[in-house]
Amino acid sequence: MRRLGVSRRHVFETIEQPALAALPPEDYQFAEWRLARVSIDYHVEFDSFFYSVPYGLIRKQVDIRATARTIEIFYQGQRVGAHQRRFGGRRAQ
């Protein structure tokens, strides 16, 4: 800063502060991504639970995005299903 002849505060206020953006309104959520193939009963399996997708996607490969609360299914970048994540109850055999 001595070489520039200005204080750190001045550099922050003139250069860095105008470039700052607001924080996102929602909290960050860690997500786990997996590939899956839609079975003939138009469901995908994640963590031993089954989640439904549109029947037109039978035998197609989809991406699953799992957060602590939701399961989202994407086909070619488009979200085709969203479900509340299950933790208890009957599991796949």
PDB file of N, CA and C in Angstrom:
ATOM      1  N   MET A   1       0.818  -1.188   0.000  1.00  0.00           N
ATOM      2  CA  MET A   1       0.000   0.000   0.000  1.00  0.00           C
ATOM      3  C   MET A   1       0.870   1.263   0.000  1.00  0.00           C
ATOM      4  N   ARG A   2       2.060   1.157   0.565  1.00  0.00           N
ATOM      5  CA  ARG A   2       2.959   2.317   0.564  1.00  0.00           C
ATOM      6  C   ARG A   2       3.326   2.708  -0.863  1.00  0.00           C
ATOM      7  N   ARG A   3       3.515   1.696  -1.692  1.00  0.00           N
ATOM      8  CA  ARG A   3       3.885   1.973  -3.090  1.00  0.00           C
ATOM      9  C   ARG A   3       2.763   2.704  -3.816  1.00  0.00           C
ATOM     10  N   LEU A   4       1.519   2.357  -3.510  1.00  0.00           N
ATOM     11  CA  LEU A   4       0.381   3.025  -4.146  1.00  0.00           C
ATOM     12  C   LEU A   4       0.118   4.402  -3.558  1.00  0.00           C
ATOM     13  N   GLY A   5       0.535   4.608  -2.327  1.00  0.00           N
ATOM     14  CA  GLY A   5       0.332   5.896  -1.688  1.00  0.00           C
ATOM     15  C   GLY A   5      -1.083   6.110  -1.178  1.00  0.00           C
ATOM     16  N   VAL A   6      -1.847   5.020  -1.009  1.00  0.00           N
ATOM     17  CA  VAL A   6      -3.212   5.116  -0.486  1.00  0.00           C
ATOM     18  C   VAL A   6      -3.397   4.046   0.586  1.00  0.00           C
ATOM     19  N   SER A   7      -4.457   4.177   1.337  1.00  0.00           N
ATOM     20  CA  SER A   7      -4.724   3.200   2.389  1.00  0.00           C
ATOM     21  C   SER A   7      -5.506   2.014   1.835  1.00  0.00           C
ATOM     22  N   ARG A   8      -5.511   0.939   2.585  1.00  0.00           N
ATOM     23  CA  ARG A   8      -6.301  -0.240   2.197  1.00  0.00           C
ATOM     24  C   ARG A   8      -7.780   0.093   2.163  1.00  0.00           C
ATOM     25  N   ARG A   9      -8.210   0.908   3.106  1.00  0.00           N
ATOM     26  CA  ARG A   9      -9.626   1.302   3.141  1.00  0.00           C
ATOM     27  C   ARG A   9     -10.008   2.037   1.863  1.00  0.00           C
ATOM     28  N   HIS A  10      -9.156   2.928   1.391  1.00  0.00           N
ATOM     29  CA  HIS A  10      -9.440   3.676   0.162  1.00  0.00           C
ATOM     30  C   HIS A  10      -9.536   2.736  -1.040  1.00  0.00           C
ATOM     31  N   VAL A  11      -8.622   1.767  -1.137  1.00  0.00           N
ATOM     32  CA  VAL A  11      -8.673   0.793  -2.232  1.00  0.00           C
ATOM     33  C   VAL A  11      -9.963  -0.017  -2.154  1.00  0.00           C
ATOM     34  N   PHE A  12     -10.334  -0.446  -0.964  1.00  0.00           N
ATOM     35  CA  PHE A  12     -11.578  -1.197  -0.795  1.00  0.00           C
ATOM     36  C   PHE A  12     -12.783  -0.369  -1.223  1.00  0.00           C
ATOM     37  N   GLU A  13     -12.877   0.854  -0.753  1.00  0.00           N
ATOM     38  CA  GLU A  13     -14.050   1.689  -1.035  1.00  0.00           C
ATOM     39  C   GLU A  13     -14.137   2.103  -2.500  1.00  0.00           C
ATOM     40  N   THR A  14     -13.018   2.251  -3.177  1.00  0.00           N
ATOM     41  CA  THR A  14     -13.063   2.717  -4.569  1.00  0.00           C
ATOM     42  C   THR A  14     -13.086   1.588  -5.590  1.00  0.00           C
ATOM     43  N   ILE A  15     -12.446   0.466  -5.291  1.00  0.00           N
ATOM     44  CA  ILE A  15     -12.345  -0.607  -6.291  1.00  0.00           C
ATOM     45  C   ILE A  15     -13.198  -1.824  -5.939  1.00  0.00           C
ATOM     46  N   GLU A  16     -13.046  -2.323  -4.721  1.00  0.00           N
ATOM     47  CA  GLU A  16     -13.664  -3.599  -4.377  1.00  0.00           C
ATOM     48  C   GLU A  16     -15.126  -3.479  -3.982  1.00  0.00           C
ATOM     49  N   GLN A  17     -15.486  -2.464  -3.219  1.00  0.00           N
ATOM     50  CA  GLN A  17     -16.864  -2.352  -2.733  1.00  0.00           C
ATOM     51  C   GLN A  17     -17.891  -2.236  -3.856  1.00  0.00           C
ATOM     52  N   PRO A  18     -17.655  -1.451  -4.926  1.00  0.00           N
ATOM     53  CA  PRO A  18     -18.645  -1.405  -6.014  1.00  0.00           C
ATOM     54  C   PRO A  18     -18.839  -2.750  -6.718  1.00  0.00           C
ATOM     55  N   ALA A  19     -17.837  -3.635  -6.663  1.00  0.00           N
ATOM     56  CA  ALA A  19     -17.939  -4.931  -7.333  1.00  0.00           C
ATOM     57  C   ALA A  19     -18.619  -5.991  -6.481  1.00  0.00           C
ATOM     58  N   LEU A  20     -18.858  -5.705  -5.217  1.00  0.00           N
ATOM     59  CA  LEU A  20     -19.494  -6.686  -4.340  1.00  0.00           C
ATOM     60  C   LEU A  20     -20.945  -6.903  -4.737  1.00  0.00           C
ATOM     61  N   ALA A  21     -21.392  -8.138  -4.633  1.00  0.00           N
ATOM     62  CA  ALA A  21     -22.790  -8.477  -4.903  1.00  0.00           C
ATOM     63  C   ALA A  21     -23.453  -8.894  -3.587  1.00  0.00           C
ATOM     64  N   ALA A  22     -24.764  -8.802  -3.569  1.00  0.00           N
ATOM     65  CA  ALA A  22     -25.514  -9.207  -2.382  1.00  0.00           C
ATOM     66  C   ALA A  22     -25.452 -10.728  -2.223  1.00  0.00           C
ATOM     67  N   LEU A  23     -25.569 -11.174  -0.997  1.00  0.00           N
ATOM     68  CA  LEU A  23     -25.607 -12.609  -0.743  1.00  0.00           C
ATOM     69  C   LEU A  23     -26.914 -13.189  -1.264  1.00  0.00           C
ATOM     70  N   PRO A  24     -26.924 -14.440  -1.690  1.00  0.00           N
ATOM     71  CA  PRO A  24     -28.168 -15.059  -2.157  1.00  0.00           C
ATOM     72  C   PRO A  24     -29.203 -15.101  -1.031  1.00  0.00           C
ATOM     73  N   PRO A  25     -30.497 -15.003  -1.373  1.00  0.00           N
ATOM     74  CA  PRO A  25     -31.526 -15.009  -0.329  1.00  0.00           C
ATOM     75  C   PRO A  25     -31.684 -16.349   0.385  1.00  0.00           C
ATOM     76  N   GLU A  26     -31.360 -17.465  -0.271  1.00  0.00           N
ATOM     77  CA  GLU A  26     -31.502 -18.766   0.363  1.00  0.00           C
ATOM     78  C   GLU A  26     -30.143 -19.276   0.823  1.00  0.00           C
ATOM     79  N   ASP A  27     -30.166 -20.131   1.831  1.00  0.00           N
ATOM     80  CA  ASP A  27     -28.942 -20.708   2.362  1.00  0.00           C
ATOM     81  C   ASP A  27     -28.343 -21.704   1.372  1.00  0.00           C
ATOM     82  N   TYR A  28     -27.038 -21.875   1.436  1.00  0.00           N
ATOM     83  CA  TYR A  28     -26.365 -22.867   0.614  1.00  0.00           C
ATOM     84  C   TYR A  28     -26.737 -24.259   1.107  1.00  0.00           C
ATOM     85  N   GLN A  29     -26.996 -25.157   0.162  1.00  0.00           N
ATOM     86  CA  GLN A  29     -27.291 -26.541   0.510  1.00  0.00           C
ATOM     87  C   GLN A  29     -26.321 -27.455  -0.224  1.00  0.00           C
ATOM     88  N   PHE A  30     -25.674 -28.329   0.528  1.00  0.00           N
ATOM     89  CA  PHE A  30     -24.808 -29.322  -0.090  1.00  0.00           C
ATOM     90  C   PHE A  30     -25.677 -30.287  -0.882  1.00  0.00           C
ATOM     91  N   ALA A  31     -25.255 -30.640  -2.089  1.00  0.00           N
ATOM     92  CA  ALA A  31     -26.017 -31.565  -2.922  1.00  0.00           C
ATOM     93  C   ALA A  31     -25.104 -32.671  -3.430  1.00  0.00           C
ATOM     94  N   GLU A  32     -25.657 -33.854  -3.483  1.00  0.00           N
ATOM     95  CA  GLU A  32     -24.958 -35.012  -4.021  1.00  0.00           C
ATOM     96  C   GLU A  32     -25.592 -35.348  -5.366  1.00  0.00           C
ATOM     97  N   TRP A  33     -24.778 -35.558  -6.391  1.00  0.00           N
ATOM     98  CA  TRP A  33     -25.271 -35.869  -7.730  1.00  0.00           C
ATOM     99  C   TRP A  33     -24.953 -37.325  -8.063  1.00  0.00           C
ATOM    100  N   ARG A  34     -25.922 -37.992  -8.699  1.00  0.00           N
ATOM    101  CA  ARG A  34     -25.718 -39.370  -9.164  1.00  0.00           C
ATOM    102  C   ARG A  34     -26.422 -39.564 -10.498  1.00  0.00           C
ATOM    103  N   LEU A  35     -25.923 -40.498 -11.262  1.00  0.00           N
ATOM    104  CA  LEU A  35     -26.586 -40.913 -12.498  1.00  0.00           C
ATOM    105  C   LEU A  35     -27.463 -42.118 -12.190  1.00  0.00           C
ATOM    106  N   ALA A  36     -28.599 -42.207 -12.861  1.00  0.00           N
ATOM    107  CA  ALA A  36     -29.495 -43.352 -12.679  1.00  0.00           C
ATOM    108  C   ALA A  36     -30.224 -43.620 -13.991  1.00  0.00           C
ATOM    109  N   ARG A  37     -30.716 -44.824 -14.121  1.00  0.00           N
ATOM    110  CA  ARG A  37     -31.526 -45.180 -15.286  1.00  0.00           C
ATOM    111  C   ARG A  37     -32.945 -45.430 -14.806  1.00  0.00           C
ATOM    112  N   VAL A  38     -33.915 -44.887 -15.532  1.00  0.00           N
ATOM    113  CA  VAL A  38     -35.325 -45.034 -15.164  1.00  0.00           C
ATOM    114  C   VAL A  38     -35.759 -46.458 -15.479  1.00  0.00           C
ATOM    115  N   SER A  39     -36.345 -47.133 -14.494  1.00  0.00           N
ATOM    116  CA  SER A  39     -36.780 -48.521 -14.695  1.00  0.00           C
ATOM    117  C   SER A  39     -38.134 -48.545 -15.402  1.00  0.00           C
ATOM    118  N   ILE A  40     -38.585 -49.745 -15.745  1.00  0.00           N
ATOM    119  CA  ILE A  40     -39.818 -49.879 -16.519  1.00  0.00           C
ATOM    120  C   ILE A  40     -41.063 -49.485 -15.733  1.00  0.00           C
ATOM    121  N   ASP A  41     -40.939 -49.352 -14.417  1.00  0.00           N
ATOM    122  CA  ASP A  41     -42.076 -48.863 -13.638  1.00  0.00           C
ATOM    123  C   ASP A  41     -41.976 -47.349 -13.401  1.00  0.00           C
ATOM    124  N   TYR A  42     -41.166 -46.665 -14.231  1.00  0.00           N
ATOM    125  CA  TYR A  42     -40.903 -45.214 -14.228  1.00  0.00           C
ATOM    126  C   TYR A  42     -40.533 -44.655 -12.859  1.00  0.00           C
ATOM    127  N   HIS A  43     -39.634 -45.361 -12.179  1.00  0.00           N
ATOM    128  CA  HIS A  43     -39.073 -44.897 -10.916  1.00  0.00           C
ATOM    129  C   HIS A  43     -37.543 -44.975 -10.986  1.00  0.00           C
ATOM    130  N   VAL A  44     -36.886 -44.118 -10.207  1.00  0.00           N
ATOM    131  CA  VAL A  44     -35.440 -44.201 -10.032  1.00  0.00           C
ATOM    132  C   VAL A  44     -35.166 -44.481  -8.563  1.00  0.00           C
ATOM    133  N   GLU A  45     -34.072 -45.178  -8.304  1.00  0.00           N
ATOM    134  CA  GLU A  45     -33.729 -45.524  -6.929  1.00  0.00           C
ATOM    135  C   GLU A  45     -32.600 -44.628  -6.440  1.00  0.00           C
ATOM    136  N   PHE A  46     -32.774 -44.105  -5.240  1.00  0.00           N
ATOM    137  CA  PHE A  46     -31.719 -43.345  -4.580  1.00  0.00           C
ATOM    138  C   PHE A  46     -31.738 -43.708  -3.110  1.00  0.00           C
ATOM    139  N   ASP A  47     -30.632 -44.184  -2.606  1.00  0.00           N
ATOM    140  CA  ASP A  47     -30.483 -44.522  -1.192  1.00  0.00           C
ATOM    141  C   ASP A  47     -31.548 -45.516  -0.725  1.00  0.00           C
ATOM    142  N   SER A  48     -31.841 -46.496  -1.563  1.00  0.00           N
ATOM    143  CA  SER A  48     -32.812 -47.565  -1.301  1.00  0.00           C
ATOM    144  C   SER A  48     -34.265 -47.096  -1.256  1.00  0.00           C
ATOM    145  N   PHE A  49     -34.564 -45.934  -1.769  1.00  0.00           N
ATOM    146  CA  PHE A  49     -35.940 -45.455  -1.911  1.00  0.00           C
ATOM    147  C   PHE A  49     -36.197 -45.159  -3.378  1.00  0.00           C
ATOM    148  N   PHE A  50     -37.471 -45.276  -3.791  1.00  0.00           N
ATOM    149  CA  PHE A  50     -37.839 -45.057  -5.187  1.00  0.00           C
ATOM    150  C   PHE A  50     -38.593 -43.744  -5.334  1.00  0.00           C
ATOM    151  N   TYR A  51     -38.276 -43.018  -6.426  1.00  0.00           N
ATOM    152  CA  TYR A  51     -38.897 -41.733  -6.725  1.00  0.00           C
ATOM    153  C   TYR A  51     -39.385 -41.768  -8.171  1.00  0.00           C
ATOM    154  N   SER A  52     -40.596 -41.279  -8.405  1.00  0.00           N
ATOM    155  CA  SER A  52     -41.204 -41.387  -9.725  1.00  0.00           C
ATOM    156  C   SER A  52     -40.780 -40.252 -10.654  1.00  0.00           C
ATOM    157  N   VAL A  53     -40.810 -40.562 -11.945  1.00  0.00           N
ATOM    158  CA  VAL A  53     -40.531 -39.603 -13.015  1.00  0.00           C
ATOM    159  C   VAL A  53     -41.594 -39.799 -14.092  1.00  0.00           C
ATOM    160  N   PRO A  54     -41.723 -38.901 -15.069  1.00  0.00           N
ATOM    161  CA  PRO A  54     -42.690 -39.104 -16.141  1.00  0.00           C
ATOM    162  C   PRO A  54     -42.440 -40.412 -16.899  1.00  0.00           C
ATOM    163  N   TYR A  55     -43.514 -41.086 -17.279  1.00  0.00           N
ATOM    164  CA  TYR A  55     -43.398 -42.414 -17.892  1.00  0.00           C
ATOM    165  C   TYR A  55     -42.662 -42.383 -19.228  1.00  0.00           C
ATOM    166  N   GLY A  56     -42.593 -41.247 -19.884  1.00  0.00           N
ATOM    167  CA  GLY A  56     -41.887 -41.142 -21.158  1.00  0.00           C
ATOM    168  C   GLY A  56     -40.379 -41.293 -21.031  1.00  0.00           C
ATOM    169  N   LEU A  57     -39.874 -41.330 -19.816  1.00  0.00           N
ATOM    170  CA  LEU A  57     -38.431 -41.442 -19.603  1.00  0.00           C
ATOM    171  C   LEU A  57     -37.981 -42.862 -19.286  1.00  0.00           C
ATOM    172  N   ILE A  58     -38.855 -43.837 -19.491  1.00  0.00           N
ATOM    173  CA  ILE A  58     -38.499 -45.232 -19.219  1.00  0.00           C
ATOM    174  C   ILE A  58     -37.241 -45.591 -20.000  1.00  0.00           C
ATOM    175  N   ARG A  59     -36.272 -46.195 -19.291  1.00  0.00           N
ATOM    176  CA  ARG A  59     -34.972 -46.642 -19.807  1.00  0.00           C
ATOM    177  C   ARG A  59     -34.035 -45.502 -20.195  1.00  0.00           C
ATOM    178  N   LYS A  60     -34.357 -44.277 -19.862  1.00  0.00           N
ATOM    179  CA  LYS A  60     -33.464 -43.138 -20.127  1.00  0.00           C
ATOM    180  C   LYS A  60     -32.547 -42.925 -18.922  1.00  0.00           C
ATOM    181  N   GLN A  61     -31.399 -42.330 -19.169  1.00  0.00           N
ATOM    182  CA  GLN A  61     -30.470 -42.002 -18.093  1.00  0.00           C
ATOM    183  C   GLN A  61     -30.782 -40.598 -17.593  1.00  0.00           C
ATOM    184  N   VAL A  62     -30.863 -40.446 -16.284  1.00  0.00           N
ATOM    185  CA  VAL A  62     -31.191 -39.160 -15.672  1.00  0.00           C
ATOM    186  C   VAL A  62     -30.149 -38.823 -14.608  1.00  0.00           C
ATOM    187  N   ASP A  63     -30.104 -37.555 -14.236  1.00  0.00           N
ATOM    188  CA  ASP A  63     -29.258 -37.090 -13.142  1.00  0.00           C
ATOM    189  C   ASP A  63     -30.128 -36.901 -11.915  1.00  0.00           C
ATOM    190  N   ILE A  64     -29.625 -37.323 -10.772  1.00  0.00           N
ATOM    191  CA  ILE A  64     -30.340 -37.135  -9.509  1.00  0.00           C
ATOM    192  C   ILE A  64     -29.531 -36.171  -8.649  1.00  0.00           C
ATOM    193  N   ARG A  65     -30.209 -35.152  -8.153  1.00  0.00           N
ATOM    194  CA  ARG A  65     -29.588 -34.192  -7.232  1.00  0.00           C
ATOM    195  C   ARG A  65     -30.267 -34.362  -5.881  1.00  0.00           C
ATOM    196  N   ALA A  66     -29.493 -34.763  -4.882  1.00  0.00           N
ATOM    197  CA  ALA A  66     -30.052 -35.026  -3.557  1.00  0.00           C
ATOM    198  C   ALA A  66     -29.487 -34.031  -2.551  1.00  0.00           C
ATOM    199  N   THR A  67     -30.379 -33.332  -1.861  1.00  0.00           N
ATOM    200  CA  THR A  67     -29.984 -32.473  -0.755  1.00  0.00           C
ATOM    201  C   THR A  67     -30.525 -33.108   0.526  1.00  0.00           C
ATOM    202  N   ALA A  68     -30.373 -32.431   1.627  1.00  0.00           N
ATOM    203  CA  ALA A  68     -30.849 -32.970   2.900  1.00  0.00           C
ATOM    204  C   ALA A  68     -32.361 -33.111   2.918  1.00  0.00           C
ATOM    205  N   ARG A  69     -33.070 -32.325   2.112  1.00  0.00           N
ATOM    206  CA  ARG A  69     -34.535 -32.340   2.146  1.00  0.00           C
ATOM    207  C   ARG A  69     -35.210 -32.789   0.859  1.00  0.00           C
ATOM    208  N   THR A  70     -34.540 -32.651  -0.277  1.00  0.00           N
ATOM    209  CA  THR A  70     -35.216 -32.922  -1.545  1.00  0.00           C
ATOM    210  C   THR A  70     -34.405 -33.855  -2.439  1.00  0.00           C
ATOM    211  N   ILE A  71     -35.145 -34.478  -3.349  1.00  0.00           N
ATOM    212  CA  ILE A  71     -34.571 -35.264  -4.439  1.00  0.00           C
ATOM    213  C   ILE A  71     -35.105 -34.639  -5.718  1.00  0.00           C
ATOM    214  N   GLU A  72     -34.202 -34.208  -6.587  1.00  0.00           N
ATOM    215  CA  GLU A  72     -34.603 -33.643  -7.871  1.00  0.00           C
ATOM    216  C   GLU A  72     -34.044 -34.522  -8.973  1.00  0.00           C
ATOM    217  N   ILE A  73     -34.845 -34.758 -10.012  1.00  0.00           N
ATOM    218  CA  ILE A  73     -34.430 -35.587 -11.123  1.00  0.00           C
ATOM    219  C   ILE A  73     -34.390 -34.705 -12.367  1.00  0.00           C
ATOM    220  N   PHE A  74     -33.264 -34.779 -13.093  1.00  0.00           N
ATOM    221  CA  PHE A  74     -33.058 -33.972 -14.293  1.00  0.00           C
ATOM    222  C   PHE A  74     -32.832 -34.871 -15.491  1.00  0.00           C
ATOM    223  N   TYR A  75     -33.425 -34.489 -16.624  1.00  0.00           N
ATOM    224  CA  TYR A  75     -33.193 -35.172 -17.891  1.00  0.00           C
ATOM    225  C   TYR A  75     -32.759 -34.132 -18.904  1.00  0.00           C
ATOM    226  N   GLN A  76     -31.576 -34.278 -19.430  1.00  0.00           N
ATOM    227  CA  GLN A  76     -30.981 -33.343 -20.387  1.00  0.00           C
ATOM    228  C   GLN A  76     -31.034 -31.902 -19.869  1.00  0.00           C
ATOM    229  N   GLY A  77     -30.709 -31.728 -18.601  1.00  0.00           N
ATOM    230  CA  GLY A  77     -30.644 -30.404 -18.003  1.00  0.00           C
ATOM    231  C   GLY A  77     -31.963 -29.820 -17.549  1.00  0.00           C
ATOM    232  N   GLN A  78     -33.077 -30.470 -17.832  1.00  0.00           N
ATOM    233  CA  GLN A  78     -34.406 -30.008 -17.435  1.00  0.00           C
ATOM    234  C   GLN A  78     -34.879 -30.797 -16.223  1.00  0.00           C
ATOM    235  N   ARG A  79     -35.398 -30.110 -15.228  1.00  0.00           N
ATOM    236  CA  ARG A  79     -35.920 -30.815 -14.061  1.00  0.00           C
ATOM    237  C   ARG A  79     -37.245 -31.466 -14.418  1.00  0.00           C
ATOM    238  N   VAL A  80     -37.320 -32.769 -14.213  1.00  0.00           N
ATOM    239  CA  VAL A  80     -38.527 -33.526 -14.561  1.00  0.00           C
ATOM    240  C   VAL A  80     -39.230 -34.079 -13.330  1.00  0.00           C
ATOM    241  N   GLY A  81     -38.609 -33.951 -12.172  1.00  0.00           N
ATOM    242  CA  GLY A  81     -39.245 -34.434 -10.954  1.00  0.00           C
ATOM    243  C   GLY A  81     -38.593 -33.836  -9.730  1.00  0.00           C
ATOM    244  N   ALA A  82     -39.409 -33.603  -8.704  1.00  0.00           N
ATOM    245  CA  ALA A  82     -38.913 -33.107  -7.425  1.00  0.00           C
ATOM    246  C   ALA A  82     -39.738 -33.766  -6.331  1.00  0.00           C
ATOM    247  N   HIS A  83     -39.057 -34.336  -5.358  1.00  0.00           N
ATOM    248  CA  HIS A  83     -39.721 -35.049  -4.279  1.00  0.00           C
ATOM    249  C   HIS A  83     -39.082 -34.696  -2.945  1.00  0.00           C
ATOM    250  N   GLN A  84     -39.875 -34.790  -1.898  1.00  0.00           N
ATOM    251  CA  GLN A  84     -39.325 -34.669  -0.550  1.00  0.00           C
ATOM    252  C   GLN A  84     -38.512 -35.927  -0.283  1.00  0.00           C
ATOM    253  N   ARG A  85     -37.327 -35.767   0.271  1.00  0.00           N
ATOM    254  CA  ARG A  85     -36.461 -36.922   0.505  1.00  0.00           C
ATOM    255  C   ARG A  85     -37.012 -37.777   1.640  1.00  0.00           C
ATOM    256  N   ARG A  86     -36.992 -39.079   1.422  1.00  0.00           N
ATOM    257  CA  ARG A  86     -37.466 -40.024   2.431  1.00  0.00           C
ATOM    258  C   ARG A  86     -36.292 -40.570   3.209  1.00  0.00           C
ATOM    259  N   PHE A  87     -36.517 -40.820   4.483  1.00  0.00           N
ATOM    260  CA  PHE A  87     -35.485 -41.403   5.339  1.00  0.00           C
ATOM    261  C   PHE A  87     -35.987 -42.628   6.078  1.00  0.00           C
ATOM    262  N   GLY A  88     -37.269 -42.676   6.397  1.00  0.00           N
ATOM    263  CA  GLY A  88     -37.812 -43.801   7.155  1.00  0.00           C
ATOM    264  C   GLY A  88     -38.819 -44.569   6.331  1.00  0.00           C
ATOM    265  N   GLY A  89     -39.352 -45.610   6.924  1.00  0.00           N
ATOM    266  CA  GLY A  89     -40.370 -46.389   6.234  1.00  0.00           C
ATOM    267  C   GLY A  89     -39.783 -47.536   5.466  1.00  0.00           C
ATOM    268  N   ARG A  90     -40.591 -48.103   4.578  1.00  0.00           N
ATOM    269  CA  ARG A  90     -40.184 -49.280   3.835  1.00  0.00           C
ATOM    270  C   ARG A  90     -39.137 -48.936   2.791  1.00  0.00           C
ATOM    271  N   ARG A  91     -38.136 -49.761   2.680  1.00  0.00           N
ATOM    272  CA  ARG A  91     -37.053 -49.566   1.722  1.00  0.00           C
ATOM    273  C   ARG A  91     -37.112 -50.628   0.648  1.00  0.00           C
ATOM    274  N   ALA A  92     -36.391 -50.383  -0.438  1.00  0.00           N
ATOM    275  CA  ALA A  92     -36.307 -51.352  -1.516  1.00  0.00           C
ATOM    276  C   ALA A  92     -35.595 -52.612  -1.022  1.00  0.00           C
ATOM    277  N   GLN A  93     -36.008 -53.733  -1.486  1.00  0.00           N
ATOM    278  CA  GLN A  93     -35.406 -55.014  -1.078  1.00  0.00           C
ATOM    279  C   GLN A  93     -34.235 -55.333  -1.945  1.00  0.00           C
TER     280      GLN A  93
END
